[in-house]
Amino acid sequence: MTKSHILGASLQELEALVASFGQPAFRAKQIHNWMFQNLESDFAKMTNLPKALVESLQASATCSALKVKANQVSTDGTTKWVFETHDGHFFETVLIPTDDRRSICVSSQIGCAMGCTFCRTATMGFIRNLTLGEILEQVHYVSRHVRALDGGRVSNAIFMGMGEPLLNLDNVATACEIMNSQEGFGIAKDKITVSTSGVVPKILEWGARAPDFKLAISLNGSNDEMRSSLMPINRRYNIDTLLKTADEYIRLSGQKLTFEYILIKDKTCTPESARELKRIASHRHCKINLIPLNRGNPDMEAPSDDEIAEFERILAQGDFQVLRRRPRGPDIYAACGQLATEQKKVA
């Protein structure tokens, strides 16, 4: 029998569960507090629960359905975990520590169907969506790790791991709400970011469902020919269509939008591309995140520092913020575009 993964259960669902065991409703709140406030996943260590309830929970429920199959620590302190699901699949989660932040890069799917040519996750194909419990368990596990490591807590969550979050919209939105809740993980709304490859119909749906969380769009090309060669989704929703939707999202949500842009030598990182990107971003309530290509695709090369500096110089003439993202964990394949794992073959 597959046990119920109660980390994703609402308080009402927990109340129904404990009622089925003949227990009063207040036990649900106790279980919830143990899971989220104390980061406990072992029912036997929930010391204010009666023995009969603990035994019933152990028999039919779990808050830790994932198994850690591997983990690696980068020279820069970035940590990557490979998790195995109950049905024998694998996905990766990353912790990115800095002096003032503990950021978790969360996966929303096992594999990805979007086919972006610069991203190793695309080589896996799409296997399935992660459940709400599997999404939250990533945060739960990493939160426990951070607390044990230095007494700190996860401060930022970014859905830039495996998968297209907006194609698992309901689970991702609910996970963001629980991450933000003071009864959940207590991560501030403006510290939770969801990144999309540009699934146009889902962008406004996301804005209506979860307007208070940050949205980032992976633009990665300054014209349709370039973007279509890198991101097949552009053949369905071109840049003009995407930008019109982005403008409507900005209007409805009131949020500043982030455009992510990958820098690839002789392709996306040229003076002409910089000028095209400047025209796209100008007069929009947005910022640009520049992401130099990380190793992993033998057919593409990262630009030189001088080429990146010239690209940034041109963008600096615009009326928008430009940030260059420094790669974290590239030596363990934990950086942007590097996440991928073989299924049923992890050592």
C-alpha atoms as a PDB file:
ATOM      1  CA  MET A   1       0.000   0.000   0.000  1.00  0.00           C
ATOM      2  CA  THR A   2       1.305   3.450  -0.937  1.00  0.00           C
ATOM      3  CA  LYS A   3       1.325   5.690   2.121  1.00  0.00           C
ATOM      4  CA  SER A   4      -0.347   9.095   2.037  1.00  0.00           C
ATOM      5  CA  HIS A   5       2.195  11.913   1.699  1.00  0.00           C
ATOM      6  CA  ILE A   6       0.816  14.300   4.289  1.00  0.00           C
ATOM      7  CA  LEU A   7       3.428  17.038   3.917  1.00  0.00           C
ATOM      8  CA  GLY A   8       1.149  18.424   1.201  1.00  0.00           C
ATOM      9  CA  ALA A   9      -2.065  17.954   3.185  1.00  0.00           C
ATOM     10  CA  SER A  10      -4.102  20.957   4.300  1.00  0.00           C
ATOM     11  CA  LEU A  11      -5.096  21.352   7.939  1.00  0.00           C
ATOM     12  CA  GLN A  12      -8.620  20.268   7.005  1.00  0.00           C
ATOM     13  CA  GLU A  13      -7.258  17.138   5.336  1.00  0.00           C
ATOM     14  CA  LEU A  14      -5.158  16.377   8.402  1.00  0.00           C
ATOM     15  CA  GLU A  15      -8.234  16.818  10.595  1.00  0.00           C
ATOM     16  CA  ALA A  16     -10.087  14.294   8.451  1.00  0.00           C
ATOM     17  CA  LEU A  17      -7.144  11.911   8.705  1.00  0.00           C
ATOM     18  CA  VAL A  18      -6.896  12.024  12.483  1.00  0.00           C
ATOM     19  CA  ALA A  19     -10.684  11.743  12.747  1.00  0.00           C
ATOM     20  CA  SER A  20     -10.463   8.499  10.760  1.00  0.00           C
ATOM     21  CA  PHE A  21      -8.193   7.226  13.542  1.00  0.00           C
ATOM     22  CA  GLY A  22     -10.715   8.268  16.214  1.00  0.00           C
ATOM     23  CA  GLN A  23      -8.598  11.241  17.318  1.00  0.00           C
ATOM     24  CA  PRO A  24      -9.763  14.816  18.088  1.00  0.00           C
ATOM     25  CA  ALA A  25      -9.238  17.579  15.520  1.00  0.00           C
ATOM     26  CA  PHE A  26      -6.573  19.433  17.555  1.00  0.00           C
ATOM     27  CA  ARG A  27      -4.139  16.589  16.851  1.00  0.00           C
ATOM     28  CA  ALA A  28      -4.010  17.764  13.225  1.00  0.00           C
ATOM     29  CA  LYS A  29      -2.583  21.126  14.307  1.00  0.00           C
ATOM     30  CA  GLN A  30       0.003  19.357  16.444  1.00  0.00           C
ATOM     31  CA  ILE A  31       1.130  17.231  13.500  1.00  0.00           C
ATOM     32  CA  HIS A  32       1.236  20.301  11.258  1.00  0.00           C
ATOM     33  CA  ASN A  33       3.382  22.192  13.769  1.00  0.00           C
ATOM     34  CA  TRP A  34       5.787  19.285  14.076  1.00  0.00           C
ATOM     35  CA  MET A  35       6.225  19.097  10.304  1.00  0.00           C
ATOM     36  CA  PHE A  36       6.619  22.799   9.560  1.00  0.00           C
ATOM     37  CA  GLN A  37       7.693  24.553  12.747  1.00  0.00           C
ATOM     38  CA  ASN A  38       9.959  21.789  14.037  1.00  0.00           C
ATOM     39  CA  LEU A  39      10.839  20.332  10.609  1.00  0.00           C
ATOM     40  CA  GLU A  40      10.197  16.853  11.990  1.00  0.00           C
ATOM     41  CA  SER A  41       9.427  13.964   9.648  1.00  0.00           C
ATOM     42  CA  ASP A  42       9.540  11.060  12.116  1.00  0.00           C
ATOM     43  CA  PHE A  43       6.142  10.474  13.726  1.00  0.00           C
ATOM     44  CA  ALA A  44       7.808   8.681  16.643  1.00  0.00           C
ATOM     45  CA  LYS A  45       9.578  11.938  17.578  1.00  0.00           C
ATOM     46  CA  MET A  46       6.338  13.938  17.718  1.00  0.00           C
ATOM     47  CA  THR A  47       6.318  13.592  21.483  1.00  0.00           C
ATOM     48  CA  ASN A  48       2.924  15.105  22.296  1.00  0.00           C
ATOM     49  CA  LEU A  49       1.038  12.628  20.090  1.00  0.00           C
ATOM     50  CA  PRO A  50      -0.528   9.552  21.726  1.00  0.00           C
ATOM     51  CA  LYS A  51       1.076   6.206  20.906  1.00  0.00           C
ATOM     52  CA  ALA A  52      -2.040   4.929  19.111  1.00  0.00           C
ATOM     53  CA  LEU A  53      -2.015   7.925  16.738  1.00  0.00           C
ATOM     54  CA  VAL A  54       1.720   7.539  16.073  1.00  0.00           C
ATOM     55  CA  GLU A  55       1.206   3.886  15.178  1.00  0.00           C
ATOM     56  CA  SER A  56      -1.714   4.719  12.885  1.00  0.00           C
ATOM     57  CA  LEU A  57       0.322   7.421  11.138  1.00  0.00           C
ATOM     58  CA  GLN A  58       3.306   5.113  10.727  1.00  0.00           C
ATOM     59  CA  ALA A  59       1.102   2.503   9.119  1.00  0.00           C
ATOM     60  CA  SER A  60      -0.653   4.728   6.592  1.00  0.00           C
ATOM     61  CA  ALA A  61       1.140   8.064   6.147  1.00  0.00           C
ATOM     62  CA  THR A  62       4.552   9.635   5.604  1.00  0.00           C
ATOM     63  CA  CYS A  63       6.151  13.081   5.506  1.00  0.00           C
ATOM     64  CA  SER A  64       9.296  11.770   3.821  1.00  0.00           C
ATOM     65  CA  ALA A  65       8.410   9.927   0.642  1.00  0.00           C
ATOM     66  CA  LEU A  66      11.705  10.837  -1.071  1.00  0.00           C
ATOM     67  CA  LYS A  67      14.990   9.007  -0.663  1.00  0.00           C
ATOM     68  CA  VAL A  68      18.356  10.734  -1.011  1.00  0.00           C
ATOM     69  CA  LYS A  69      20.346   8.722  -3.543  1.00  0.00           C
ATOM     70  CA  ALA A  70      23.330  11.047  -3.912  1.00  0.00           C
ATOM     71  CA  ASN A  71      24.600  14.457  -2.919  1.00  0.00           C
ATOM     72  CA  GLN A  72      27.549  16.602  -3.936  1.00  0.00           C
ATOM     73  CA  VAL A  73      29.122  19.734  -2.480  1.00  0.00           C
ATOM     74  CA  SER A  74      30.778  22.281  -4.756  1.00  0.00           C
ATOM     75  CA  THR A  75      33.985  24.136  -3.992  1.00  0.00           C
ATOM     76  CA  ASP A  76      31.807  27.268  -3.587  1.00  0.00           C
ATOM     77  CA  GLY A  77      29.545  25.608  -0.990  1.00  0.00           C
ATOM     78  CA  THR A  78      26.630  24.877  -3.324  1.00  0.00           C
ATOM     79  CA  THR A  79      25.048  21.501  -2.515  1.00  0.00           C
ATOM     80  CA  LYS A  80      23.096  19.280  -4.896  1.00  0.00           C
ATOM     81  CA  TRP A  81      20.895  16.338  -3.944  1.00  0.00           C
ATOM     82  CA  VAL A  82      19.516  13.575  -6.136  1.00  0.00           C
ATOM     83  CA  PHE A  83      16.142  12.413  -4.801  1.00  0.00           C
ATOM     84  CA  GLU A  84      14.425   9.146  -5.685  1.00  0.00           C
ATOM     85  CA  THR A  85      10.631   9.113  -5.798  1.00  0.00           C
ATOM     86  CA  HIS A  86       8.340   6.315  -4.618  1.00  0.00           C
ATOM     87  CA  ASP A  87       7.980   5.099  -8.214  1.00  0.00           C
ATOM     88  CA  GLY A  88      11.712   4.872  -8.867  1.00  0.00           C
ATOM     89  CA  HIS A  89      12.435   8.134 -10.698  1.00  0.00           C
ATOM     90  CA  PHE A  90      15.121  10.715  -9.911  1.00  0.00           C
ATOM     91  CA  PHE A  91      15.335  14.496  -9.828  1.00  0.00           C
ATOM     92  CA  GLU A  92      17.696  17.109  -8.394  1.00  0.00           C
ATOM     93  CA  THR A  93      17.484  19.963  -5.897  1.00  0.00           C
ATOM     94  CA  VAL A  94      20.138  22.585  -5.155  1.00  0.00           C
ATOM     95  CA  LEU A  95      21.030  24.728  -2.120  1.00  0.00           C
ATOM     96  CA  ILE A  96      22.887  27.956  -2.941  1.00  0.00           C
ATOM     97  CA  PRO A  97      24.394  29.576   0.182  1.00  0.00           C
ATOM     98  CA  THR A  98      25.758  33.121   0.298  1.00  0.00           C
ATOM     99  CA  ASP A  99      26.746  35.405   3.176  1.00  0.00           C
ATOM    100  CA  ASP A 100      23.188  36.638   3.687  1.00  0.00           C
ATOM    101  CA  ARG A 101      20.981  34.079   1.887  1.00  0.00           C
ATOM    102  CA  ARG A 102      20.175  30.400   1.824  1.00  0.00           C
ATOM    103  CA  SER A 103      18.440  29.841  -1.516  1.00  0.00           C
ATOM    104  CA  ILE A 104      16.867  26.587  -2.655  1.00  0.00           C
ATOM    105  CA  CYS A 105      16.512  25.832  -6.355  1.00  0.00           C
ATOM    106  CA  VAL A 106      13.326  23.770  -6.501  1.00  0.00           C
ATOM    107  CA  SER A 107      12.292  21.253  -9.167  1.00  0.00           C
ATOM    108  CA  SER A 108       8.666  21.064 -10.287  1.00  0.00           C
ATOM    109  CA  GLN A 109       8.848  18.132 -12.714  1.00  0.00           C
ATOM    110  CA  ILE A 110      10.931  15.047 -13.364  1.00  0.00           C
ATOM    111  CA  GLY A 111      12.576  15.923 -16.653  1.00  0.00           C
ATOM    112  CA  CYS A 112      11.094  18.545 -18.954  1.00  0.00           C
ATOM    113  CA  ALA A 113       9.139  18.641 -22.201  1.00  0.00           C
ATOM    114  CA  MET A 114      10.271  22.086 -23.356  1.00  0.00           C
ATOM    115  CA  GLY A 115      13.342  20.918 -25.302  1.00  0.00           C
ATOM    116  CA  CYS A 116      15.582  23.966 -24.756  1.00  0.00           C
ATOM    117  CA  THR A 117      18.840  23.155 -26.547  1.00  0.00           C
ATOM    118  CA  PHE A 118      21.144  24.694 -23.920  1.00  0.00           C
ATOM    119  CA  CYS A 119      19.598  22.821 -20.963  1.00  0.00           C
ATOM    120  CA  ARG A 120      20.660  19.323 -19.898  1.00  0.00           C
ATOM    121  CA  THR A 121      17.285  18.642 -18.260  1.00  0.00           C
ATOM    122  CA  ALA A 122      15.801  18.588 -21.770  1.00  0.00           C
ATOM    123  CA  THR A 123      17.858  15.469 -22.539  1.00  0.00           C
ATOM    124  CA  MET A 124      15.755  13.562 -19.995  1.00  0.00           C
ATOM    125  CA  GLY A 125      12.471  14.214 -21.757  1.00  0.00           C
ATOM    126  CA  PHE A 126       9.346  14.643 -19.655  1.00  0.00           C
ATOM    127  CA  ILE A 127       8.528  11.912 -17.129  1.00  0.00           C
ATOM    128  CA  ARG A 128       5.897  13.397 -14.818  1.00  0.00           C
ATOM    129  CA  ASN A 129       4.917  16.320 -12.614  1.00  0.00           C
ATOM    130  CA  LEU A 130       6.089  16.307  -9.041  1.00  0.00           C
ATOM    131  CA  THR A 131       3.309  16.134  -6.478  1.00  0.00           C
ATOM    132  CA  LEU A 132       2.669  18.905  -3.993  1.00  0.00           C
ATOM    133  CA  GLY A 133       4.220  16.763  -1.271  1.00  0.00           C
ATOM    134  CA  GLU A 134       7.342  16.099  -3.367  1.00  0.00           C
ATOM    135  CA  ILE A 135       7.791  19.811  -4.028  1.00  0.00           C
ATOM    136  CA  LEU A 136       7.398  20.706  -0.358  1.00  0.00           C
ATOM    137  CA  GLU A 137       9.640  17.867   0.774  1.00  0.00           C
ATOM    138  CA  GLN A 138      12.542  19.440  -1.125  1.00  0.00           C
ATOM    139  CA  VAL A 139      12.137  22.583   0.978  1.00  0.00           C
ATOM    140  CA  HIS A 140      11.577  20.538   4.140  1.00  0.00           C
ATOM    141  CA  TYR A 141      14.718  18.446   3.640  1.00  0.00           C
ATOM    142  CA  VAL A 142      16.947  21.380   2.713  1.00  0.00           C
ATOM    143  CA  SER A 143      15.541  23.446   5.606  1.00  0.00           C
ATOM    144  CA  ARG A 144      16.545  20.684   8.011  1.00  0.00           C
ATOM    145  CA  HIS A 145      19.982  20.550   6.433  1.00  0.00           C
ATOM    146  CA  VAL A 146      20.483  24.313   6.774  1.00  0.00           C
ATOM    147  CA  ARG A 147      19.336  24.300  10.398  1.00  0.00           C
ATOM    148  CA  ALA A 148      21.709  21.446  11.260  1.00  0.00           C
ATOM    149  CA  LEU A 149      24.547  23.118   9.375  1.00  0.00           C
ATOM    150  CA  ASP A 150      24.528  26.575  10.901  1.00  0.00           C
ATOM    151  CA  GLY A 151      21.230  27.106  12.725  1.00  0.00           C
ATOM    152  CA  GLY A 152      19.894  29.152   9.811  1.00  0.00           C
ATOM    153  CA  ARG A 153      16.868  28.816   7.582  1.00  0.00           C
ATOM    154  CA  VAL A 154      16.014  28.818   3.887  1.00  0.00           C
ATOM    155  CA  SER A 155      15.480  32.466   2.946  1.00  0.00           C
ATOM    156  CA  ASN A 156      14.788  32.252  -0.802  1.00  0.00           C
ATOM    157  CA  ALA A 157      13.074  29.724  -3.057  1.00  0.00           C
ATOM    158  CA  ILE A 158      13.452  29.717  -6.835  1.00  0.00           C
ATOM    159  CA  PHE A 159      11.591  27.370  -9.166  1.00  0.00           C
ATOM    160  CA  MET A 160      14.477  27.138 -11.598  1.00  0.00           C
ATOM    161  CA  GLY A 161      15.281  23.476 -11.083  1.00  0.00           C
ATOM    162  CA  MET A 162      14.041  20.691 -13.328  1.00  0.00           C
ATOM    163  CA  GLY A 163      10.856  21.228 -15.292  1.00  0.00           C
ATOM    164  CA  GLU A 164       8.482  23.957 -16.456  1.00  0.00           C
ATOM    165  CA  PRO A 165       6.682  25.169 -13.304  1.00  0.00           C
ATOM    166  CA  LEU A 166       3.652  26.621 -15.104  1.00  0.00           C
ATOM    167  CA  LEU A 167       2.859  23.190 -16.544  1.00  0.00           C
ATOM    168  CA  ASN A 168       2.431  22.031 -12.942  1.00  0.00           C
ATOM    169  CA  LEU A 169       0.698  25.249 -11.985  1.00  0.00           C
ATOM    170  CA  ASP A 170      -1.709  24.121  -9.254  1.00  0.00           C
ATOM    171  CA  ASN A 171       0.919  22.236  -7.263  1.00  0.00           C
ATOM    172  CA  VAL A 172       3.515  24.982  -7.684  1.00  0.00           C
ATOM    173  CA  ALA A 173       1.076  27.742  -6.677  1.00  0.00           C
ATOM    174  CA  THR A 174      -0.080  25.837  -3.585  1.00  0.00           C
ATOM    175  CA  ALA A 175       3.537  25.079  -2.695  1.00  0.00           C
ATOM    176  CA  CYS A 176       4.406  28.791  -2.933  1.00  0.00           C
ATOM    177  CA  GLU A 177       1.486  29.645  -0.646  1.00  0.00           C
ATOM    178  CA  ILE A 178       2.631  27.085   1.941  1.00  0.00           C
ATOM    179  CA  MET A 179       6.258  28.196   1.652  1.00  0.00           C
ATOM    180  CA  ASN A 180       5.165  31.758   2.366  1.00  0.00           C
ATOM    181  CA  SER A 181       2.710  30.987   5.166  1.00  0.00           C
ATOM    182  CA  GLN A 182       3.869  31.629   8.725  1.00  0.00           C
ATOM    183  CA  GLU A 183       2.346  28.252   9.544  1.00  0.00           C
ATOM    184  CA  GLY A 184       4.476  26.805   6.729  1.00  0.00           C
ATOM    185  CA  PHE A 185       8.095  27.719   5.968  1.00  0.00           C
ATOM    186  CA  GLY A 186       7.706  31.475   6.421  1.00  0.00           C
ATOM    187  CA  ILE A 187       9.598  32.541   3.289  1.00  0.00           C
ATOM    188  CA  ALA A 188       8.723  36.095   2.247  1.00  0.00           C
ATOM    189  CA  LYS A 189       6.607  36.456  -0.907  1.00  0.00           C
ATOM    190  CA  ASP A 190       9.215  38.596  -2.640  1.00  0.00           C
ATOM    191  CA  LYS A 191      11.811  35.891  -1.982  1.00  0.00           C
ATOM    192  CA  ILE A 192       9.900  33.242  -3.948  1.00  0.00           C
ATOM    193  CA  THR A 193      10.412  33.235  -7.720  1.00  0.00           C
ATOM    194  CA  VAL A 194       8.892  31.045 -10.409  1.00  0.00           C
ATOM    195  CA  SER A 195      10.661  30.827 -13.771  1.00  0.00           C
ATOM    196  CA  THR A 196       8.880  29.946 -17.016  1.00  0.00           C
ATOM    197  CA  SER A 197      10.100  29.269 -20.527  1.00  0.00           C
ATOM    198  CA  GLY A 198       7.161  31.327 -21.759  1.00  0.00           C
ATOM    199  CA  VAL A 199       4.016  29.189 -21.690  1.00  0.00           C
ATOM    200  CA  VAL A 200       1.831  32.113 -22.736  1.00  0.00           C
ATOM    201  CA  PRO A 201      -1.640  30.808 -21.720  1.00  0.00           C
ATOM    202  CA  LYS A 202      -0.352  29.961 -18.253  1.00  0.00           C
ATOM    203  CA  ILE A 203       1.333  33.298 -17.534  1.00  0.00           C
ATOM    204  CA  LEU A 204      -1.913  35.206 -16.990  1.00  0.00           C
ATOM    205  CA  GLU A 205      -3.389  32.217 -15.161  1.00  0.00           C
ATOM    206  CA  TRP A 206      -0.394  32.384 -12.835  1.00  0.00           C
ATOM    207  CA  GLY A 207      -0.860  36.122 -12.402  1.00  0.00           C
ATOM    208  CA  ALA A 208      -4.488  35.584 -11.408  1.00  0.00           C
ATOM    209  CA  ARG A 209      -3.699  32.678  -9.082  1.00  0.00           C
ATOM    210  CA  ALA A 210      -0.462  33.850  -7.431  1.00  0.00           C
ATOM    211  CA  PRO A 211       0.164  37.537  -8.239  1.00  0.00           C
ATOM    212  CA  ASP A 212       2.286  38.247  -5.160  1.00  0.00           C
ATOM    213  CA  PHE A 213       5.126  35.904  -6.073  1.00  0.00           C
ATOM    214  CA  LYS A 214       7.869  36.888  -8.496  1.00  0.00           C
ATOM    215  CA  LEU A 215       7.791  35.690 -12.080  1.00  0.00           C
ATOM    216  CA  ALA A 216      10.816  35.311 -14.343  1.00  0.00           C
ATOM    217  CA  ILE A 217      10.568  34.625 -18.077  1.00  0.00           C
ATOM    218  CA  SER A 218      13.423  32.826 -19.815  1.00  0.00           C
ATOM    219  CA  LEU A 219      13.752  35.013 -22.899  1.00  0.00           C
ATOM    220  CA  ASN A 220      17.206  33.815 -24.016  1.00  0.00           C
ATOM    221  CA  GLY A 221      16.915  35.242 -27.515  1.00  0.00           C
ATOM    222  CA  SER A 222      16.541  38.790 -28.805  1.00  0.00           C
ATOM    223  CA  ASN A 223      14.736  37.852 -32.048  1.00  0.00           C
ATOM    224  CA  ASP A 224      12.456  35.044 -33.176  1.00  0.00           C
ATOM    225  CA  GLU A 225      14.988  33.227 -35.331  1.00  0.00           C
ATOM    226  CA  MET A 226      17.500  33.092 -32.516  1.00  0.00           C
ATOM    227  CA  ARG A 227      14.991  32.185 -29.810  1.00  0.00           C
ATOM    228  CA  SER A 228      13.303  29.497 -31.905  1.00  0.00           C
ATOM    229  CA  SER A 229      16.666  27.814 -32.487  1.00  0.00           C
ATOM    230  CA  LEU A 230      17.212  27.623 -28.729  1.00  0.00           C
ATOM    231  CA  MET A 231      13.681  27.223 -27.392  1.00  0.00           C
ATOM    232  CA  PRO A 232      11.097  25.273 -29.433  1.00  0.00           C
ATOM    233  CA  ILE A 233       8.274  26.956 -27.519  1.00  0.00           C
ATOM    234  CA  ASN A 234       9.016  30.153 -29.462  1.00  0.00           C
ATOM    235  CA  ARG A 235       7.644  28.505 -32.601  1.00  0.00           C
ATOM    236  CA  ARG A 236       4.281  28.340 -30.841  1.00  0.00           C
ATOM    237  CA  TYR A 237       4.414  31.599 -28.876  1.00  0.00           C
ATOM    238  CA  ASN A 238       6.773  34.053 -30.545  1.00  0.00           C
ATOM    239  CA  ILE A 239       8.482  36.985 -28.869  1.00  0.00           C
ATOM    240  CA  ASP A 240       5.797  39.511 -29.825  1.00  0.00           C
ATOM    241  CA  THR A 241       3.055  37.303 -28.369  1.00  0.00           C
ATOM    242  CA  LEU A 242       5.150  36.651 -25.268  1.00  0.00           C
ATOM    243  CA  LEU A 243       5.853  40.352 -24.693  1.00  0.00           C
ATOM    244  CA  LYS A 244       2.187  41.324 -25.065  1.00  0.00           C
ATOM    245  CA  THR A 245       1.333  38.708 -22.435  1.00  0.00           C
ATOM    246  CA  ALA A 246       4.191  39.908 -20.230  1.00  0.00           C
ATOM    247  CA  ASP A 247       2.884  43.477 -20.421  1.00  0.00           C
ATOM    248  CA  GLU A 248      -0.581  42.305 -19.407  1.00  0.00           C
ATOM    249  CA  TYR A 249       0.907  40.320 -16.511  1.00  0.00           C
ATOM    250  CA  ILE A 250       2.809  43.408 -15.332  1.00  0.00           C
ATOM    251  CA  ARG A 251      -0.378  45.489 -15.543  1.00  0.00           C
ATOM    252  CA  LEU A 252      -2.529  42.986 -13.671  1.00  0.00           C
ATOM    253  CA  SER A 253      -0.020  41.982 -10.995  1.00  0.00           C
ATOM    254  CA  GLY A 254       1.821  45.251 -10.472  1.00  0.00           C
ATOM    255  CA  GLN A 255       4.998  43.197 -10.249  1.00  0.00           C
ATOM    256  CA  LYS A 256       8.349  43.924 -11.837  1.00  0.00           C
ATOM    257  CA  LEU A 257       9.080  41.125 -14.290  1.00  0.00           C
ATOM    258  CA  THR A 258      12.473  39.475 -14.716  1.00  0.00           C
ATOM    259  CA  PHE A 259      13.712  38.464 -18.151  1.00  0.00           C
ATOM    260  CA  GLU A 260      16.410  35.814 -18.014  1.00  0.00           C
ATOM    261  CA  TYR A 261      18.860  35.850 -20.878  1.00  0.00           C
ATOM    262  CA  ILE A 262      21.512  33.215 -21.549  1.00  0.00           C
ATOM    263  CA  LEU A 263      24.811  34.404 -23.010  1.00  0.00           C
ATOM    264  CA  ILE A 264      26.161  32.103 -25.749  1.00  0.00           C
ATOM    265  CA  LYS A 265      29.239  33.001 -27.761  1.00  0.00           C
ATOM    266  CA  ASP A 266      28.551  34.161 -31.327  1.00  0.00           C
ATOM    267  CA  LYS A 267      24.835  33.551 -30.876  1.00  0.00           C
ATOM    268  CA  THR A 268      23.040  35.455 -28.133  1.00  0.00           C
ATOM    269  CA  CYS A 269      26.029  37.483 -26.912  1.00  0.00           C
ATOM    270  CA  THR A 270      26.716  39.927 -29.749  1.00  0.00           C
ATOM    271  CA  PRO A 271      26.455  43.725 -29.920  1.00  0.00           C
ATOM    272  CA  GLU A 272      23.409  43.467 -32.198  1.00  0.00           C
ATOM    273  CA  SER A 273      21.704  41.076 -29.760  1.00  0.00           C
ATOM    274  CA  ALA A 274      22.419  43.506 -26.944  1.00  0.00           C
ATOM    275  CA  ARG A 275      20.804  46.335 -28.892  1.00  0.00           C
ATOM    276  CA  GLU A 276      17.757  44.173 -29.678  1.00  0.00           C
ATOM    277  CA  LEU A 277      17.453  43.150 -26.030  1.00  0.00           C
ATOM    278  CA  LYS A 278      17.732  46.793 -24.967  1.00  0.00           C
ATOM    279  CA  ARG A 279      14.807  47.671 -27.258  1.00  0.00           C
ATOM    280  CA  ILE A 280      12.760  44.811 -25.769  1.00  0.00           C
ATOM    281  CA  ALA A 281      13.380  45.841 -22.152  1.00  0.00           C
ATOM    282  CA  SER A 282      13.178  49.615 -22.561  1.00  0.00           C
ATOM    283  CA  HIS A 283      10.134  51.286 -21.020  1.00  0.00           C
ATOM    284  CA  ARG A 284       8.993  48.020 -19.432  1.00  0.00           C
ATOM    285  CA  HIS A 285       8.725  47.434 -15.683  1.00  0.00           C
ATOM    286  CA  CYS A 286      11.393  44.752 -15.792  1.00  0.00           C
ATOM    287  CA  LYS A 287      14.958  43.775 -15.094  1.00  0.00           C
ATOM    288  CA  ILE A 288      17.387  41.609 -17.058  1.00  0.00           C
ATOM    289  CA  ASN A 289      19.281  38.692 -15.535  1.00  0.00           C
ATOM    290  CA  LEU A 290      22.248  37.733 -17.698  1.00  0.00           C
ATOM    291  CA  ILE A 291      23.335  34.095 -17.381  1.00  0.00           C
ATOM    292  CA  PRO A 292      26.615  33.067 -19.036  1.00  0.00           C
ATOM    293  CA  LEU A 293      26.328  29.592 -20.542  1.00  0.00           C
ATOM    294  CA  ASN A 294      27.484  26.845 -18.193  1.00  0.00           C
ATOM    295  CA  ARG A 295      29.342  23.807 -19.495  1.00  0.00           C
ATOM    296  CA  GLY A 296      27.272  20.801 -20.434  1.00  0.00           C
ATOM    297  CA  ASN A 297      26.445  21.370 -24.114  1.00  0.00           C
ATOM    298  CA  PRO A 298      29.407  20.463 -26.360  1.00  0.00           C
ATOM    299  CA  ASP A 299      27.961  22.431 -29.304  1.00  0.00           C
ATOM    300  CA  MET A 300      27.848  25.769 -27.491  1.00  0.00           C
ATOM    301  CA  GLU A 301      30.481  27.957 -25.871  1.00  0.00           C
ATOM    302  CA  ALA A 302      30.357  30.655 -23.221  1.00  0.00           C
ATOM    303  CA  PRO A 303      31.458  34.129 -24.334  1.00  0.00           C
ATOM    304  CA  SER A 304      34.667  35.713 -23.099  1.00  0.00           C
ATOM    305  CA  ASP A 305      34.677  38.227 -20.241  1.00  0.00           C
ATOM    306  CA  ASP A 306      35.345  41.013 -22.749  1.00  0.00           C
ATOM    307  CA  GLU A 307      32.353  39.974 -24.884  1.00  0.00           C
ATOM    308  CA  ILE A 308      30.102  39.911 -21.815  1.00  0.00           C
ATOM    309  CA  ALA A 309      31.422  43.305 -20.692  1.00  0.00           C
ATOM    310  CA  GLU A 310      30.584  44.824 -24.101  1.00  0.00           C
ATOM    311  CA  PHE A 311      27.110  43.285 -23.971  1.00  0.00           C
ATOM    312  CA  GLU A 312      26.572  44.772 -20.507  1.00  0.00           C
ATOM    313  CA  ARG A 313      27.907  48.160 -21.639  1.00  0.00           C
ATOM    314  CA  ILE A 314      25.236  48.389 -24.352  1.00  0.00           C
ATOM    315  CA  LEU A 315      22.451  47.318 -21.985  1.00  0.00           C
ATOM    316  CA  ALA A 316      23.619  49.840 -19.377  1.00  0.00           C
ATOM    317  CA  GLN A 317      22.372  52.581 -21.703  1.00  0.00           C
ATOM    318  CA  GLY A 318      18.786  51.395 -21.115  1.00  0.00           C
ATOM    319  CA  ASP A 319      16.294  52.444 -18.455  1.00  0.00           C
ATOM    320  CA  PHE A 320      16.134  49.071 -16.683  1.00  0.00           C
ATOM    321  CA  GLN A 321      18.172  47.099 -14.169  1.00  0.00           C
ATOM    322  CA  VAL A 322      20.760  44.596 -15.441  1.00  0.00           C
ATOM    323  CA  LEU A 323      22.296  41.876 -13.289  1.00  0.00           C
ATOM    324  CA  ARG A 324      24.809  39.214 -14.242  1.00  0.00           C
ATOM    325  CA  ARG A 325      24.208  35.935 -12.448  1.00  0.00           C
ATOM    326  CA  ARG A 326      27.397  34.338 -11.204  1.00  0.00           C
ATOM    327  CA  PRO A 327      27.441  30.576 -11.768  1.00  0.00           C
ATOM    328  CA  ARG A 328      27.157  28.568  -8.557  1.00  0.00           C
ATOM    329  CA  GLY A 329      28.143  24.914  -8.372  1.00  0.00           C
ATOM    330  CA  PRO A 330      29.232  24.408 -12.008  1.00  0.00           C
ATOM    331  CA  ASP A 331      31.876  21.870 -10.929  1.00  0.00           C
ATOM    332  CA  ILE A 332      29.117  19.532  -9.669  1.00  0.00           C
ATOM    333  CA  TYR A 333      26.692  20.353 -12.511  1.00  0.00           C
ATOM    334  CA  ALA A 334      24.402  22.296 -10.193  1.00  0.00           C
ATOM    335  CA  ALA A 335      24.340  25.592 -12.107  1.00  0.00           C
ATOM    336  CA  CYS A 336      21.703  26.906 -14.526  1.00  0.00           C
ATOM    337  CA  GLY A 337      21.062  24.516 -17.399  1.00  0.00           C
ATOM    338  CA  GLN A 338      23.134  21.718 -15.872  1.00  0.00           C
ATOM    339  CA  LEU A 339      20.567  19.674 -13.949  1.00  0.00           C
ATOM    340  CA  ALA A 340      19.965  16.186 -15.334  1.00  0.00           C
ATOM    341  CA  THR A 341      20.026  12.653 -13.981  1.00  0.00           C
ATOM    342  CA  GLU A 342      19.675   9.221 -15.509  1.00  0.00           C
ATOM    343  CA  GLN A 343      16.650   7.293 -14.361  1.00  0.00           C
ATOM    344  CA  LYS A 344      17.186   4.132 -12.281  1.00  0.00           C
ATOM    345  CA  LYS A 345      20.971   4.400 -12.728  1.00  0.00           C
ATOM    346  CA  VAL A 346      22.095   6.714  -9.939  1.00  0.00           C
ATOM    347  CA  ALA A 347      24.948   5.282  -7.893  1.00  0.00           C
END
